[in-house]
Protein backbone atom coordinates (compact mmCIF):
# COMPACT_ATOMS: atom_id res chain seq x y z
CA MET A 1 0.00 0.00 0.00
CA HIS A 2 0.99 3.60 -0.49
CA GLY A 3 1.54 5.22 2.93
CA THR A 4 -1.84 5.48 4.60
CA LEU A 5 -3.53 4.99 1.26
CA THR A 6 -5.61 1.85 0.92
CA LYS A 7 -7.41 0.55 -2.07
CA SER A 8 -10.91 1.99 -2.02
CA GLY A 9 -13.86 -0.31 -2.07
CA LEU A 10 -15.46 2.17 -4.44
CA ALA A 11 -12.87 1.55 -7.12
CA SER A 12 -13.82 -1.30 -9.42
CA SER A 13 -11.12 -2.68 -11.68
CA HIS A 14 -12.79 -1.57 -14.90
CA VAL A 15 -14.91 1.41 -15.95
CA HIS A 16 -16.77 0.45 -19.10
CA SER A 17 -17.67 4.03 -19.94
CA ILE A 18 -13.99 4.69 -20.61
CA ASP A 19 -14.28 2.40 -23.64
CA LEU A 20 -17.17 4.51 -24.94
CA LEU A 21 -15.20 7.72 -24.41
CA ARG A 22 -12.16 6.25 -26.18
CA ALA A 23 -14.34 5.13 -29.08
CA CYS A 24 -15.92 8.58 -29.44
CA ALA A 25 -12.55 10.33 -29.23
CA ALA A 26 -10.97 8.09 -31.88
CA LEU A 27 -13.92 8.43 -34.25
CA PHE A 28 -13.95 12.20 -33.81
CA VAL A 29 -10.29 12.46 -34.79
CA CYS A 30 -10.68 10.01 -37.69
CA PHE A 31 -13.71 11.80 -39.16
CA PHE A 32 -11.91 15.13 -38.74
CA HIS A 33 -8.92 13.97 -40.78
CA LEU A 34 -10.71 11.81 -43.37
CA THR A 35 -13.14 14.60 -44.27
CA ALA A 36 -10.22 17.04 -44.67
CA ILE A 37 -11.21 18.99 -41.55
CA GLY A 38 -14.82 19.04 -42.73
CA LYS A 39 -14.07 20.50 -46.16
CA PHE A 40 -15.63 17.49 -47.91
CA ILE A 41 -19.02 18.25 -46.33
CA ASP A 42 -21.31 20.62 -48.24
CA ASN A 43 -23.53 21.59 -45.31
CA PRO A 44 -21.86 24.67 -43.74
CA GLN A 45 -23.09 24.00 -40.21
CA LEU A 46 -22.07 20.34 -40.26
CA SER A 47 -18.75 21.21 -41.85
CA ALA A 48 -18.08 23.77 -39.11
CA PHE A 49 -18.90 21.17 -36.44
CA VAL A 50 -16.64 18.54 -38.01
CA SER A 51 -13.82 21.09 -38.22
CA LEU A 52 -13.85 21.12 -34.40
CA MET A 53 -13.93 17.34 -33.98
CA GLY A 54 -10.18 16.91 -34.07
CA HIS A 55 -9.64 19.24 -31.13
CA ASP A 56 -12.55 17.71 -29.20
CA GLY A 57 -11.34 14.16 -29.77
CA VAL A 58 -7.85 14.96 -28.53
CA CYS A 59 -9.28 16.72 -25.46
CA LEU A 60 -11.41 13.66 -24.71
CA PHE A 61 -8.32 11.48 -24.90
CA PHE A 62 -6.49 13.78 -22.49
CA ILE A 63 -9.38 13.66 -20.01
CA VAL A 64 -9.47 9.86 -20.28
CA SER A 65 -5.72 9.69 -19.61
CA GLY A 66 -6.13 12.08 -16.70
CA PHE A 67 -8.57 9.61 -15.17
CA VAL A 68 -7.19 6.24 -16.25
CA ILE A 69 -3.54 6.50 -15.21
CA PRO A 70 -4.10 7.44 -11.54
CA PHE A 71 -7.04 5.02 -11.37
CA ALA A 72 -4.85 2.14 -12.55
CA LEU A 73 -2.03 3.13 -10.17
CA PHE A 74 -4.46 3.38 -7.28
CA ASN A 75 -5.94 -0.05 -7.94
CA SER A 76 -2.44 -1.50 -8.26
CA ASN A 77 -1.22 -0.16 -4.89
CA TYR A 78 1.49 1.78 -6.72
CA GLU A 79 4.47 3.14 -4.76
CA LEU A 80 7.13 5.58 -5.92
CA GLY A 81 9.71 2.81 -5.71
CA ALA A 82 7.87 1.10 -8.56
CA PHE A 83 8.42 4.03 -10.95
CA PRO A 84 10.97 2.09 -13.09
CA ARG A 85 8.47 -0.76 -13.39
CA PHE A 86 5.78 1.75 -14.33
CA MET A 87 7.93 3.14 -17.15
CA VAL A 88 8.80 -0.33 -18.42
CA LYS A 89 5.13 -1.27 -18.33
CA ARG A 90 4.18 1.87 -20.30
CA ILE A 91 6.95 1.32 -22.86
CA VAL A 92 6.05 -2.34 -23.39
CA ARG A 93 2.37 -1.44 -23.72
CA LEU A 94 2.60 1.56 -26.04
CA GLU A 95 5.88 1.55 -27.96
CA PRO A 96 5.53 -1.51 -30.25
CA PRO A 97 2.24 -0.26 -31.77
CA TYR A 98 3.65 3.25 -32.10
CA ILE A 99 6.85 2.05 -33.79
CA ALA A 100 4.80 -0.19 -36.09
CA SER A 101 2.67 2.80 -37.09
CA VAL A 102 5.83 4.79 -37.89
CA VAL A 103 7.00 1.90 -40.09
CA LEU A 104 3.58 1.87 -41.77
CA ALA A 105 3.76 5.59 -42.56
CA VAL A 106 7.28 5.21 -44.00
CA ALA A 107 6.27 2.13 -46.02
CA LEU A 108 3.30 3.91 -47.62
CA TRP A 109 5.53 6.81 -48.57
CA TRP A 110 8.27 4.50 -49.84
CA ARG A 111 5.96 2.27 -51.91
CA PHE A 112 3.26 4.69 -53.08
CA GLN A 113 4.92 8.06 -52.51
CA PHE A 114 2.02 8.79 -50.18
CA SER A 115 2.22 11.20 -47.30
CA ALA A 116 -0.69 13.00 -45.67
CA GLY A 117 1.59 15.99 -45.16
CA SER A 118 4.88 16.97 -46.72
CA PRO A 119 7.20 14.25 -48.13
CA LEU A 120 8.63 12.23 -45.27
CA ASP A 121 12.12 12.92 -44.00
CA VAL A 122 13.45 9.43 -43.31
CA ARG A 123 16.94 10.44 -42.25
CA PRO A 124 18.16 8.54 -39.15
CA GLY A 125 18.11 11.71 -37.07
CA THR A 126 14.45 12.37 -37.81
CA LEU A 127 13.56 8.75 -37.10
CA ALA A 128 15.40 8.99 -33.78
CA LEU A 129 13.46 12.12 -32.89
CA HIS A 130 10.24 10.25 -33.59
CA LEU A 131 11.25 7.34 -31.38
CA GLY A 132 11.98 9.78 -28.57
CA TYR A 133 8.81 11.87 -29.17
CA LEU A 134 11.11 14.88 -29.57
CA ILE A 135 9.96 16.37 -32.88
CA ASP A 136 8.17 19.30 -31.20
CA PHE A 137 11.16 20.02 -28.98
CA ALA A 138 13.44 19.99 -32.03
CA ARG A 139 11.10 22.42 -33.79
CA PHE A 140 10.97 24.57 -30.66
CA PHE A 141 14.72 25.01 -30.94
CA GLY A 142 14.58 25.77 -34.66
CA ALA A 143 14.95 22.41 -36.42
CA ALA A 144 13.01 21.99 -39.68
CA VAL A 145 11.37 18.62 -38.92
CA GLU A 146 7.77 17.39 -39.00
CA TRP A 147 5.82 14.52 -37.49
CA TYR A 148 5.16 11.70 -39.94
CA CYS A 149 1.55 11.59 -38.77
CA GLY A 150 -0.40 14.56 -37.53
CA VAL A 151 -1.53 12.81 -34.34
CA TYR A 152 1.89 11.92 -32.94
CA TRP A 153 2.32 15.24 -31.12
CA SER A 154 -0.43 14.22 -28.69
CA LEU A 155 1.42 10.99 -27.86
CA ALA A 156 4.39 13.10 -26.76
CA TYR A 157 2.10 15.02 -24.39
CA GLU A 158 0.68 11.77 -23.06
CA LEU A 159 4.16 10.43 -22.30
CA GLN A 160 5.05 13.60 -20.41
CA TYR A 161 1.88 13.27 -18.37
CA TYR A 162 2.58 9.62 -17.52
CA VAL A 163 6.00 10.50 -16.09
CA PHE A 164 4.68 13.56 -14.25
CA LEU A 165 1.74 11.70 -12.73
CA ALA A 166 3.73 8.65 -11.65
CA LEU A 167 6.32 10.81 -9.88
CA LEU A 168 3.72 12.95 -8.10
CA PHE A 169 1.10 10.29 -7.46
CA PRO A 170 1.30 10.65 -3.65
CA LEU A 171 -0.05 14.21 -4.06
CA VAL A 172 -2.79 13.15 -6.48
CA ALA A 173 -3.97 10.34 -4.20
CA SER A 174 -3.49 12.17 -0.90
CA ARG A 175 -6.22 11.94 1.71
CA VAL A 176 -5.49 15.54 2.74
CA THR A 177 -7.93 17.88 1.02
CA SER A 178 -5.55 20.84 0.85
CA VAL A 179 -2.92 18.68 -0.87
CA ARG A 180 -5.32 17.36 -3.52
CA VAL A 181 -6.88 20.74 -4.22
CA GLY A 182 -3.52 22.49 -4.18
CA PHE A 183 -2.10 20.02 -6.69
CA VAL A 184 -4.92 20.59 -9.19
CA VAL A 185 -4.84 24.37 -8.79
CA LEU A 186 -1.06 24.56 -9.17
CA LEU A 187 -1.14 22.23 -12.17
CA VAL A 188 -3.53 24.54 -14.02
CA ALA A 189 -1.86 27.73 -12.76
CA THR A 190 1.46 26.52 -14.17
CA LYS A 191 -0.09 26.43 -17.63
CA TYR A 192 -1.02 30.10 -17.47
CA ALA A 193 2.35 31.00 -16.02
CA LEU A 194 4.00 29.47 -19.10
CA LEU A 195 1.77 31.11 -21.70
CA ALA A 196 4.23 33.96 -22.19
CA ALA A 197 6.82 31.44 -23.40
CA PRO A 198 4.85 28.50 -24.86
CA ALA A 199 6.74 25.23 -25.02
CA PRO A 200 5.71 21.76 -26.29
CA LEU A 201 4.58 20.53 -22.87
CA PHE A 202 1.48 18.63 -21.77
CA LEU A 203 0.77 21.61 -19.50
CA ASN A 204 -0.71 23.32 -22.56
CA TYR A 205 -3.69 21.03 -21.93
CA ALA A 206 -3.40 20.96 -18.13
CA GLU A 207 -7.11 21.61 -17.49
CA TYR A 208 -8.13 18.50 -19.44
CA PHE A 209 -5.71 16.18 -17.67
CA ALA A 210 -6.68 17.80 -14.36
CA PHE A 211 -10.38 17.19 -15.04
CA GLY A 212 -9.66 13.48 -15.40
CA ILE A 213 -7.70 13.56 -12.13
CA VAL A 214 -10.64 15.18 -10.33
CA LEU A 215 -12.99 12.50 -11.67
CA PHE A 216 -10.57 9.82 -10.45
CA GLN A 217 -10.44 11.32 -6.96
CA ARG A 218 -14.23 11.33 -6.74
CA ARG A 219 -14.59 7.86 -8.28
CA VAL A 220 -12.41 6.19 -5.64
CA GLY A 221 -13.87 8.18 -2.76
CA LEU A 222 -10.90 10.42 -2.01
CA SER A 223 -12.86 13.65 -2.50
CA THR A 224 -16.30 14.84 -1.49
CA PRO A 225 -19.05 15.81 -3.97
CA VAL A 226 -18.58 19.47 -2.99
CA GLU A 227 -14.82 19.39 -3.61
CA CYS A 228 -15.32 17.63 -6.93
CA ALA A 229 -18.00 20.11 -8.05
CA ILE A 230 -15.92 23.18 -7.16
CA LEU A 231 -12.80 21.92 -8.92
CA ALA A 232 -14.83 20.75 -11.92
CA LEU A 233 -16.41 24.20 -12.34
CA LEU A 234 -12.98 25.82 -12.09
CA LEU A 235 -11.61 23.52 -14.78
CA VAL A 236 -14.63 23.96 -17.05
CA GLY A 237 -14.04 27.71 -16.85
CA CYS A 238 -10.44 27.13 -17.96
CA MET A 239 -11.65 24.91 -20.80
CA ALA A 240 -14.04 27.66 -21.93
CA MET A 241 -11.09 29.99 -22.45
CA ASP A 242 -9.54 27.37 -24.74
CA SER A 243 -12.71 26.08 -26.44
CA TRP A 244 -16.10 27.31 -25.28
CA HIS A 245 -18.07 24.76 -27.31
CA PHE A 246 -16.22 21.82 -25.75
CA ALA A 247 -16.68 23.35 -22.29
CA VAL A 248 -20.44 23.36 -22.92
CA TYR A 249 -20.83 19.65 -23.55
CA GLY A 250 -17.52 17.80 -23.05
CA PRO A 251 -17.10 17.71 -19.26
CA LEU A 252 -20.81 17.04 -18.73
CA VAL A 253 -20.78 14.04 -21.07
CA VAL A 254 -17.57 12.67 -19.56
CA GLY A 255 -18.82 13.11 -16.00
CA VAL A 256 -22.13 11.39 -16.69
CA LEU A 257 -20.54 8.48 -18.51
CA VAL A 258 -17.91 7.85 -15.84
CA SER A 259 -20.47 8.07 -13.02
CA LYS A 260 -23.02 5.82 -14.78
CA ASP A 261 -20.47 3.32 -16.14
CA ILE A 262 -22.26 2.43 -19.38
CA ASN A 263 -21.45 -1.04 -20.71
CA TRP A 264 -22.17 -1.24 -24.46
CA ALA A 265 -20.62 -3.99 -26.56
CA PRO A 266 -19.93 -1.98 -29.77
CA ALA A 267 -18.32 0.78 -27.71
CA ASN A 268 -16.23 -1.78 -25.83
CA MET A 269 -14.96 -3.15 -29.13
CA LEU A 270 -14.13 0.27 -30.58
CA GLY A 271 -12.63 1.35 -27.28
CA ALA A 272 -10.31 -1.65 -27.32
CA ILE A 273 -8.95 -0.80 -30.76
CA SER A 274 -9.05 3.00 -30.30
CA TYR A 275 -5.28 3.33 -29.86
CA SER A 276 -4.64 1.31 -33.02
CA LEU A 277 -7.24 3.36 -34.88
CA TYR A 278 -5.69 6.59 -33.64
CA LEU A 279 -2.24 5.48 -34.76
CA THR A 280 -3.09 4.16 -38.22
CA HIS A 281 -5.99 6.19 -39.63
CA TYR A 282 -3.76 9.13 -40.56
CA SER A 283 -1.52 6.98 -42.73
CA PHE A 284 -3.56 3.97 -43.89
CA GLY A 285 -6.97 5.64 -43.78
CA MET A 286 -5.99 8.74 -45.69
CA TRP A 287 -4.00 6.69 -48.21
CA PHE A 288 -7.07 4.46 -48.74
CA ARG A 289 -9.33 7.52 -49.13
CA ASP A 290 -7.04 9.14 -51.69
CA ALA A 291 -6.72 5.85 -53.60
CA LEU A 292 -10.53 5.62 -53.86
CA MET A 293 -10.73 9.19 -55.12
CA THR A 294 -7.97 8.84 -57.74
CA LYS A 295 -8.32 5.22 -58.89
CA LEU A 296 -12.13 4.84 -58.72
CA ALA A 297 -13.07 8.51 -59.10
CA LEU A 298 -15.34 8.36 -56.07
CA GLY A 299 -16.70 11.52 -54.54
CA ALA A 300 -14.74 12.93 -51.63
CA LEU A 301 -17.39 12.32 -48.96
CA THR A 302 -18.14 8.79 -50.20
CA ALA A 303 -14.43 7.98 -50.21
CA ALA A 304 -14.08 9.40 -46.69
CA ALA A 305 -16.97 7.25 -45.41
CA LEU A 306 -15.53 4.09 -46.97
CA ALA A 307 -12.08 4.99 -45.67
CA LEU A 308 -13.50 5.31 -42.15
CA ILE A 309 -14.92 1.78 -42.37
CA ALA A 310 -11.64 0.47 -43.81
CA SER A 311 -9.67 2.26 -41.09
CA VAL A 312 -11.70 0.56 -38.36
CA ALA A 313 -11.19 -2.84 -40.01
CA PHE A 314 -7.47 -2.22 -40.44
CA ALA A 315 -7.20 -1.03 -36.82
CA ALA A 316 -8.83 -4.26 -35.63
CA LEU A 317 -6.24 -6.26 -37.56
CA PHE A 318 -3.44 -4.02 -36.27
CA TYR A 319 -4.73 -4.53 -32.73
CA TRP A 320 -4.74 -8.33 -32.92
CA LEU A 321 -1.36 -8.60 -34.62
CA ILE A 322 0.61 -5.91 -32.80
CA GLU A 323 -1.15 -4.09 -29.98
CA ARG A 324 -2.74 -7.08 -28.24
CA PRO A 325 0.56 -8.97 -27.77
CA SER A 326 2.05 -5.79 -26.27
CA LEU A 327 -0.92 -5.45 -23.96
CA LYS A 328 -0.59 -9.05 -22.79
CA LEU A 329 3.12 -8.63 -22.14
CA SER A 330 2.60 -5.42 -20.17
CA LYS A 331 0.07 -7.14 -17.92
CA ARG A 332 2.81 -9.46 -16.73
CA ILE A 333 4.63 -6.51 -15.19
CA SER A 334 3.32 -5.88 -11.68
CA TYR A 335 3.97 -2.81 -9.54
CA ALA A 336 3.91 -4.97 -6.41
CA ARG A 337 6.98 -6.96 -5.40
CA GLN A 338 6.67 -10.65 -4.73
CA LEU A 339 7.80 -11.44 -1.20
CA ARG A 340 9.77 -14.58 -0.38
CA ARG A 341 7.73 -16.94 1.72
CA PRO A 342 8.69 -20.11 3.55
CA GLN A 343 7.78 -23.27 1.73
CA THR A 344 4.59 -24.90 2.87
CA PRO A 345 3.45 -28.50 2.50
CA SER A 346 1.80 -29.17 -0.82
CA ASN A 347 -1.51 -29.98 0.87
CA GLU A 348 -1.74 -26.50 2.43
CA PRO A 349 -2.89 -23.48 0.39
CA GLN A 350 -0.47 -20.57 0.05
CA ALA A 351 -1.80 -17.11 0.82
CA SER A 352 -0.96 -14.32 -1.59
CA GLY A 353 -0.26 -10.88 -0.22
CA VAL A 354 -0.07 -9.09 -3.58
CA LEU A 355 -2.28 -8.72 -6.60
CA ASN A 356 -1.70 -11.39 -9.19
CA GLN A 357 -1.28 -10.50 -12.85
CA ASP A 358 -4.91 -11.21 -13.72
CA GLN A 359 -5.95 -8.56 -11.20
CA GLN A 360 -3.84 -5.80 -12.69
CA PRO A 361 -5.88 -3.14 -14.49
CA SER A 362 -5.24 -3.02 -18.24
CA TYR A 363 -5.80 0.69 -18.84
CA SER A 364 -3.75 2.85 -21.22
CA SER A 365 -4.46 6.27 -23.01
CA LYS A 366 -5.28 5.88 -26.72
CA ALA A 367 -4.38 3.94 -26.85
CA ARG A 368 -4.28 4.17 -25.24
């Protein structure tokens, strides 16, 4: 256990609504890109709405990560001493699918000369920057480099958040109200303190991650309804300064879904493959869409709709071949340390003082 922290009886090992939120976020981002930011849609109002889907989908993913990571750590009795294990677990879970998606983007450019953006720079240095999620930092210091896929920047922010949260988890999961509230307030205040000199840091979206943290604290019973409501209103106000339309509906939808825990089979399926869909739609999906438009002379919107279906199918295949093995391997890594116990006769049962691997939560951000 973590200090005086004990695993709350209110915290179940799985929140099905997270799958629905992941599915919605991934579909938002896919539709945003495949319809060329809504430009393929003739209806002006619908086109304007779709043009905002990319931002909304990413914000949903950040809220989900804000909730999921501390929730998983809490249910796993995480301690700071397990930080190296946490990082290994994250790397094993997320890196193989990410690297495979980079290879996919390079292969499509190499074979078909396809790139959703500018021609790919496949020099070793650029590839190394991708593997380290450092493209934005390189650009910040003046390097002329670009992400191979337009969604990778958000993965860099997610990685920063994982490290930050794991190192400061005792503050996030504190039973002292002033510590919890102070952490959330300082997290958001730091964003506004850095606005004068913007840098490629996850703090640019601090209010969204913080909203997920507040939902986690309420879900496991660390905070009171009053504390949760006050912090949520503060964070919604911060969201409104970034995107008023998302502040109107986003936090309300997320809060209701997490509190009601909706279990819907199609959403569970899409939620499971959401990380694969997020990784591959920008390369495979947009290549497939453009191929339909050029080879079969299909209309832009028809091609986008068919590409969305193909992207989901491809993501399912990508999940089973690449992401699922990584997920299984990561589940074998426990935050708890096995203690040596004296041998007991074979006819006597052995008590287990730690969670076994089947009990470890399987959450990730787009992923997860």
